[in-house]
Amino acid sequence: MANTASARKRIRQTEKRTIRNRARRSRVRGFLRKVEQAIAGGDQAQARDALQAAQPELHRAATKGVFHPNTVARKLSRLSARIKSLGAAAQA
């Protein structure tokens, strides 16, 4: 257990930050789930809209330190490539 006042304060700060980060991570997962469902449904327009809604949330999570910026970039790149391939599959 923490013995000093500063250590007790750090524990309080960590608890608050953990709660906030958990909410942010959960929110991002919800946005990603909507994109995945749209891709699975095969609707490119809906998937594109869902990705546009998810993008700012992902970047915000990276800014706040919940996700590494490269992780966000990788996720967005892979999702947009999958959405793009939906259009190619529909044309073929």
N, C-alpha and C. Protein backbone atom coordinates (compact mmCIF):
# COMPACT_ATOMS: atom_id res chain seq x y z
N MET A 1 0.84 -1.18 0.00
CA MET A 1 0.00 0.00 0.00
C MET A 1 0.88 1.24 0.00
N ALA A 2 0.35 2.29 -0.57
CA ALA A 2 1.12 3.54 -0.68
C ALA A 2 1.27 4.18 0.69
N ASN A 3 2.49 4.66 0.96
CA ASN A 3 2.77 5.26 2.25
C ASN A 3 2.80 6.78 2.21
N THR A 4 3.19 7.34 1.08
CA THR A 4 3.31 8.80 1.00
C THR A 4 2.07 9.40 0.34
N ALA A 5 1.88 10.68 0.59
CA ALA A 5 0.74 11.38 0.01
C ALA A 5 0.83 11.39 -1.51
N SER A 6 2.03 11.56 -2.04
CA SER A 6 2.20 11.60 -3.49
C SER A 6 1.89 10.23 -4.12
N ALA A 7 2.25 9.17 -3.42
CA ALA A 7 1.96 7.83 -3.94
C ALA A 7 0.45 7.56 -3.93
N ARG A 8 -0.21 8.03 -2.87
CA ARG A 8 -1.68 7.86 -2.81
C ARG A 8 -2.35 8.65 -3.93
N LYS A 9 -1.82 9.85 -4.21
CA LYS A 9 -2.37 10.66 -5.29
C LYS A 9 -2.16 9.97 -6.63
N ARG A 10 -0.99 9.39 -6.85
CA ARG A 10 -0.73 8.68 -8.10
C ARG A 10 -1.71 7.52 -8.28
N ILE A 11 -2.04 6.84 -7.21
CA ILE A 11 -3.01 5.74 -7.28
C ILE A 11 -4.37 6.27 -7.70
N ARG A 12 -4.78 7.40 -7.10
CA ARG A 12 -6.08 8.00 -7.47
C ARG A 12 -6.08 8.41 -8.94
N GLN A 13 -4.99 9.01 -9.39
CA GLN A 13 -4.91 9.46 -10.79
C GLN A 13 -4.96 8.27 -11.75
N THR A 14 -4.26 7.21 -11.38
CA THR A 14 -4.22 6.02 -12.23
C THR A 14 -5.60 5.39 -12.34
N GLU A 15 -6.33 5.36 -11.24
CA GLU A 15 -7.69 4.78 -11.27
C GLU A 15 -8.59 5.59 -12.19
N LYS A 16 -8.53 6.92 -12.09
CA LYS A 16 -9.35 7.77 -12.96
C LYS A 16 -8.98 7.57 -14.42
N ARG A 17 -7.68 7.55 -14.69
CA ARG A 17 -7.20 7.40 -16.06
C ARG A 17 -7.60 6.05 -16.63
N THR A 18 -7.53 5.02 -15.80
CA THR A 18 -7.89 3.67 -16.24
C THR A 18 -9.35 3.63 -16.65
N ILE A 19 -10.22 4.24 -15.86
CA ILE A 19 -11.65 4.26 -16.17
C ILE A 19 -11.89 5.00 -17.48
N ARG A 20 -11.24 6.15 -17.65
CA ARG A 20 -11.40 6.94 -18.88
C ARG A 20 -10.90 6.17 -20.10
N ASN A 21 -9.72 5.56 -19.96
CA ASN A 21 -9.14 4.82 -21.08
C ASN A 21 -9.98 3.60 -21.44
N ARG A 22 -10.54 2.95 -20.44
CA ARG A 22 -11.39 1.78 -20.70
C ARG A 22 -12.62 2.20 -21.49
N ALA A 23 -13.20 3.36 -21.14
CA ALA A 23 -14.37 3.87 -21.86
C ALA A 23 -13.99 4.23 -23.29
N ARG A 24 -12.84 4.87 -23.46
CA ARG A 24 -12.39 5.23 -24.82
C ARG A 24 -12.16 3.99 -25.67
N ARG A 25 -11.49 2.99 -25.10
CA ARG A 25 -11.20 1.76 -25.83
C ARG A 25 -12.49 1.06 -26.22
N SER A 26 -13.45 1.03 -25.31
CA SER A 26 -14.73 0.41 -25.58
C SER A 26 -15.48 1.14 -26.69
N ARG A 27 -15.42 2.46 -26.65
CA ARG A 27 -16.08 3.28 -27.67
C ARG A 27 -15.48 3.01 -29.05
N VAL A 28 -14.16 2.95 -29.12
CA VAL A 28 -13.49 2.67 -30.38
C VAL A 28 -13.88 1.29 -30.90
N ARG A 29 -13.92 0.32 -30.01
CA ARG A 29 -14.30 -1.05 -30.42
C ARG A 29 -15.70 -1.07 -31.01
N GLY A 30 -16.60 -0.27 -30.43
CA GLY A 30 -17.96 -0.19 -30.96
C GLY A 30 -17.97 0.36 -32.38
N PHE A 31 -17.19 1.40 -32.63
CA PHE A 31 -17.10 1.97 -33.97
C PHE A 31 -16.51 0.96 -34.94
N LEU A 32 -15.48 0.25 -34.51
CA LEU A 32 -14.85 -0.75 -35.37
C LEU A 32 -15.81 -1.91 -35.67
N ARG A 33 -16.63 -2.25 -34.68
CA ARG A 33 -17.60 -3.33 -34.87
C ARG A 33 -18.60 -2.95 -35.96
N LYS A 34 -19.01 -1.68 -35.98
CA LYS A 34 -19.95 -1.22 -37.01
C LYS A 34 -19.33 -1.30 -38.40
N VAL A 35 -18.04 -0.96 -38.50
CA VAL A 35 -17.35 -1.06 -39.78
C VAL A 35 -17.27 -2.52 -40.22
N GLU A 36 -16.90 -3.40 -39.29
CA GLU A 36 -16.79 -4.83 -39.60
C GLU A 36 -18.13 -5.40 -40.06
N GLN A 37 -19.21 -5.00 -39.39
CA GLN A 37 -20.53 -5.50 -39.77
C GLN A 37 -20.92 -5.02 -41.16
N ALA A 38 -20.59 -3.77 -41.49
CA ALA A 38 -20.89 -3.24 -42.82
C ALA A 38 -20.08 -3.97 -43.88
N ILE A 39 -18.83 -4.28 -43.58
CA ILE A 39 -17.99 -5.02 -44.53
C ILE A 39 -18.56 -6.43 -44.72
N ALA A 40 -18.94 -7.06 -43.61
CA ALA A 40 -19.51 -8.41 -43.69
C ALA A 40 -20.81 -8.40 -44.48
N GLY A 41 -21.57 -7.32 -44.36
CA GLY A 41 -22.82 -7.20 -45.11
C GLY A 41 -22.59 -6.95 -46.59
N GLY A 42 -21.39 -6.54 -46.96
CA GLY A 42 -21.05 -6.34 -48.36
C GLY A 42 -21.48 -5.00 -48.92
N ASP A 43 -21.92 -4.09 -48.06
CA ASP A 43 -22.39 -2.77 -48.51
C ASP A 43 -21.23 -1.78 -48.41
N GLN A 44 -20.65 -1.43 -49.57
CA GLN A 44 -19.47 -0.57 -49.57
C GLN A 44 -19.78 0.84 -49.07
N ALA A 45 -20.92 1.39 -49.49
CA ALA A 45 -21.26 2.76 -49.09
C ALA A 45 -21.45 2.85 -47.57
N GLN A 46 -22.15 1.88 -47.01
CA GLN A 46 -22.38 1.87 -45.57
C GLN A 46 -21.06 1.67 -44.82
N ALA A 47 -20.21 0.80 -45.35
CA ALA A 47 -18.91 0.55 -44.72
C ALA A 47 -18.05 1.81 -44.76
N ARG A 48 -18.09 2.53 -45.88
CA ARG A 48 -17.31 3.76 -46.01
C ARG A 48 -17.79 4.81 -45.00
N ASP A 49 -19.10 4.91 -44.86
CA ASP A 49 -19.66 5.86 -43.88
C ASP A 49 -19.26 5.48 -42.46
N ALA A 50 -19.31 4.19 -42.16
CA ALA A 50 -18.94 3.72 -40.82
C ALA A 50 -17.46 3.99 -40.55
N LEU A 51 -16.63 3.82 -41.57
CA LEU A 51 -15.19 4.08 -41.40
C LEU A 51 -14.94 5.57 -41.19
N GLN A 52 -15.66 6.42 -41.90
CA GLN A 52 -15.50 7.86 -41.72
C GLN A 52 -15.90 8.29 -40.31
N ALA A 53 -16.90 7.61 -39.74
CA ALA A 53 -17.31 7.91 -38.36
C ALA A 53 -16.28 7.38 -37.37
N ALA A 54 -15.64 6.26 -37.70
CA ALA A 54 -14.68 5.64 -36.78
C ALA A 54 -13.33 6.34 -36.77
N GLN A 55 -12.98 6.95 -37.90
CA GLN A 55 -11.65 7.55 -38.04
C GLN A 55 -11.31 8.58 -36.96
N PRO A 56 -12.18 9.57 -36.71
CA PRO A 56 -11.82 10.54 -35.67
C PRO A 56 -11.71 9.92 -34.28
N GLU A 57 -12.53 8.91 -34.02
CA GLU A 57 -12.46 8.25 -32.70
C GLU A 57 -11.12 7.52 -32.54
N LEU A 58 -10.69 6.86 -33.60
CA LEU A 58 -9.41 6.16 -33.54
C LEU A 58 -8.26 7.14 -33.37
N HIS A 59 -8.29 8.23 -34.11
CA HIS A 59 -7.22 9.22 -33.98
C HIS A 59 -7.24 9.88 -32.59
N ARG A 60 -8.41 10.10 -32.06
CA ARG A 60 -8.52 10.68 -30.71
C ARG A 60 -7.92 9.71 -29.69
N ALA A 61 -8.19 8.43 -29.84
CA ALA A 61 -7.64 7.43 -28.92
C ALA A 61 -6.12 7.41 -29.01
N ALA A 62 -5.58 7.59 -30.22
CA ALA A 62 -4.12 7.63 -30.38
C ALA A 62 -3.55 8.88 -29.72
N THR A 63 -4.24 10.00 -29.88
CA THR A 63 -3.79 11.26 -29.27
C THR A 63 -3.77 11.16 -27.75
N LYS A 64 -4.77 10.49 -27.20
CA LYS A 64 -4.88 10.38 -25.74
C LYS A 64 -4.00 9.27 -25.18
N GLY A 65 -3.35 8.50 -26.05
CA GLY A 65 -2.43 7.47 -25.57
C GLY A 65 -3.08 6.14 -25.29
N VAL A 66 -4.33 5.95 -25.72
CA VAL A 66 -5.00 4.67 -25.49
C VAL A 66 -4.46 3.63 -26.48
N PHE A 67 -4.25 4.05 -27.73
CA PHE A 67 -3.66 3.19 -28.75
C PHE A 67 -2.40 3.86 -29.28
N HIS A 68 -1.47 3.06 -29.74
CA HIS A 68 -0.28 3.60 -30.38
C HIS A 68 -0.68 4.16 -31.75
N PRO A 69 -0.11 5.28 -32.14
CA PRO A 69 -0.48 5.87 -33.44
C PRO A 69 -0.30 4.92 -34.62
N ASN A 70 0.74 4.10 -34.58
CA ASN A 70 0.96 3.15 -35.68
C ASN A 70 -0.13 2.08 -35.71
N THR A 71 -0.64 1.70 -34.56
CA THR A 71 -1.73 0.73 -34.49
C THR A 71 -2.96 1.29 -35.17
N VAL A 72 -3.26 2.54 -34.90
CA VAL A 72 -4.42 3.21 -35.50
C VAL A 72 -4.24 3.28 -37.01
N ALA A 73 -3.05 3.69 -37.45
CA ALA A 73 -2.77 3.80 -38.88
C ALA A 73 -2.93 2.44 -39.56
N ARG A 74 -2.43 1.41 -38.92
CA ARG A 74 -2.53 0.06 -39.49
C ARG A 74 -3.97 -0.40 -39.61
N LYS A 75 -4.75 -0.18 -38.54
CA LYS A 75 -6.17 -0.58 -38.56
C LYS A 75 -6.92 0.15 -39.66
N LEU A 76 -6.72 1.47 -39.76
CA LEU A 76 -7.42 2.26 -40.77
C LEU A 76 -7.03 1.82 -42.17
N SER A 77 -5.75 1.56 -42.37
CA SER A 77 -5.26 1.14 -43.68
C SER A 77 -5.89 -0.19 -44.08
N ARG A 78 -5.90 -1.13 -43.18
CA ARG A 78 -6.44 -2.46 -43.50
C ARG A 78 -7.94 -2.41 -43.73
N LEU A 79 -8.65 -1.63 -42.92
CA LEU A 79 -10.09 -1.51 -43.11
C LEU A 79 -10.42 -0.84 -44.43
N SER A 80 -9.70 0.23 -44.76
CA SER A 80 -9.99 0.92 -46.01
C SER A 80 -9.67 0.04 -47.21
N ALA A 81 -8.63 -0.79 -47.11
CA ALA A 81 -8.30 -1.72 -48.19
C ALA A 81 -9.42 -2.76 -48.36
N ARG A 82 -9.95 -3.23 -47.26
CA ARG A 82 -11.05 -4.20 -47.34
C ARG A 82 -12.30 -3.58 -47.93
N ILE A 83 -12.55 -2.32 -47.57
CA ILE A 83 -13.72 -1.61 -48.12
C ILE A 83 -13.53 -1.39 -49.62
N LYS A 84 -12.32 -1.03 -49.99
CA LYS A 84 -12.02 -0.81 -51.40
C LYS A 84 -12.22 -2.10 -52.20
N SER A 85 -11.82 -3.23 -51.62
CA SER A 85 -11.97 -4.50 -52.32
C SER A 85 -13.44 -4.91 -52.48
N LEU A 86 -14.31 -4.37 -51.61
CA LEU A 86 -15.75 -4.64 -51.77
C LEU A 86 -16.23 -4.07 -53.10
N GLY A 87 -15.76 -2.89 -53.45
CA GLY A 87 -16.15 -2.26 -54.71
C GLY A 87 -15.61 -3.04 -55.90
N ALA A 88 -14.38 -3.56 -55.77
CA ALA A 88 -13.79 -4.34 -56.86
C ALA A 88 -14.53 -5.66 -57.05
N ALA A 89 -14.98 -6.25 -55.94
CA ALA A 89 -15.72 -7.51 -56.02
C ALA A 89 -17.09 -7.29 -56.64
N ALA A 90 -17.69 -6.13 -56.39
CA ALA A 90 -19.02 -5.84 -56.94
C ALA A 90 -18.93 -5.59 -58.44
N GLN A 91 -17.82 -5.02 -58.92
CA GLN A 91 -17.67 -4.73 -60.34
C GLN A 91 -17.33 -5.98 -61.15
N ALA A 92 -16.68 -6.94 -60.51
CA ALA A 92 -16.24 -8.15 -61.22
C ALA A 92 -17.36 -9.12 -61.50
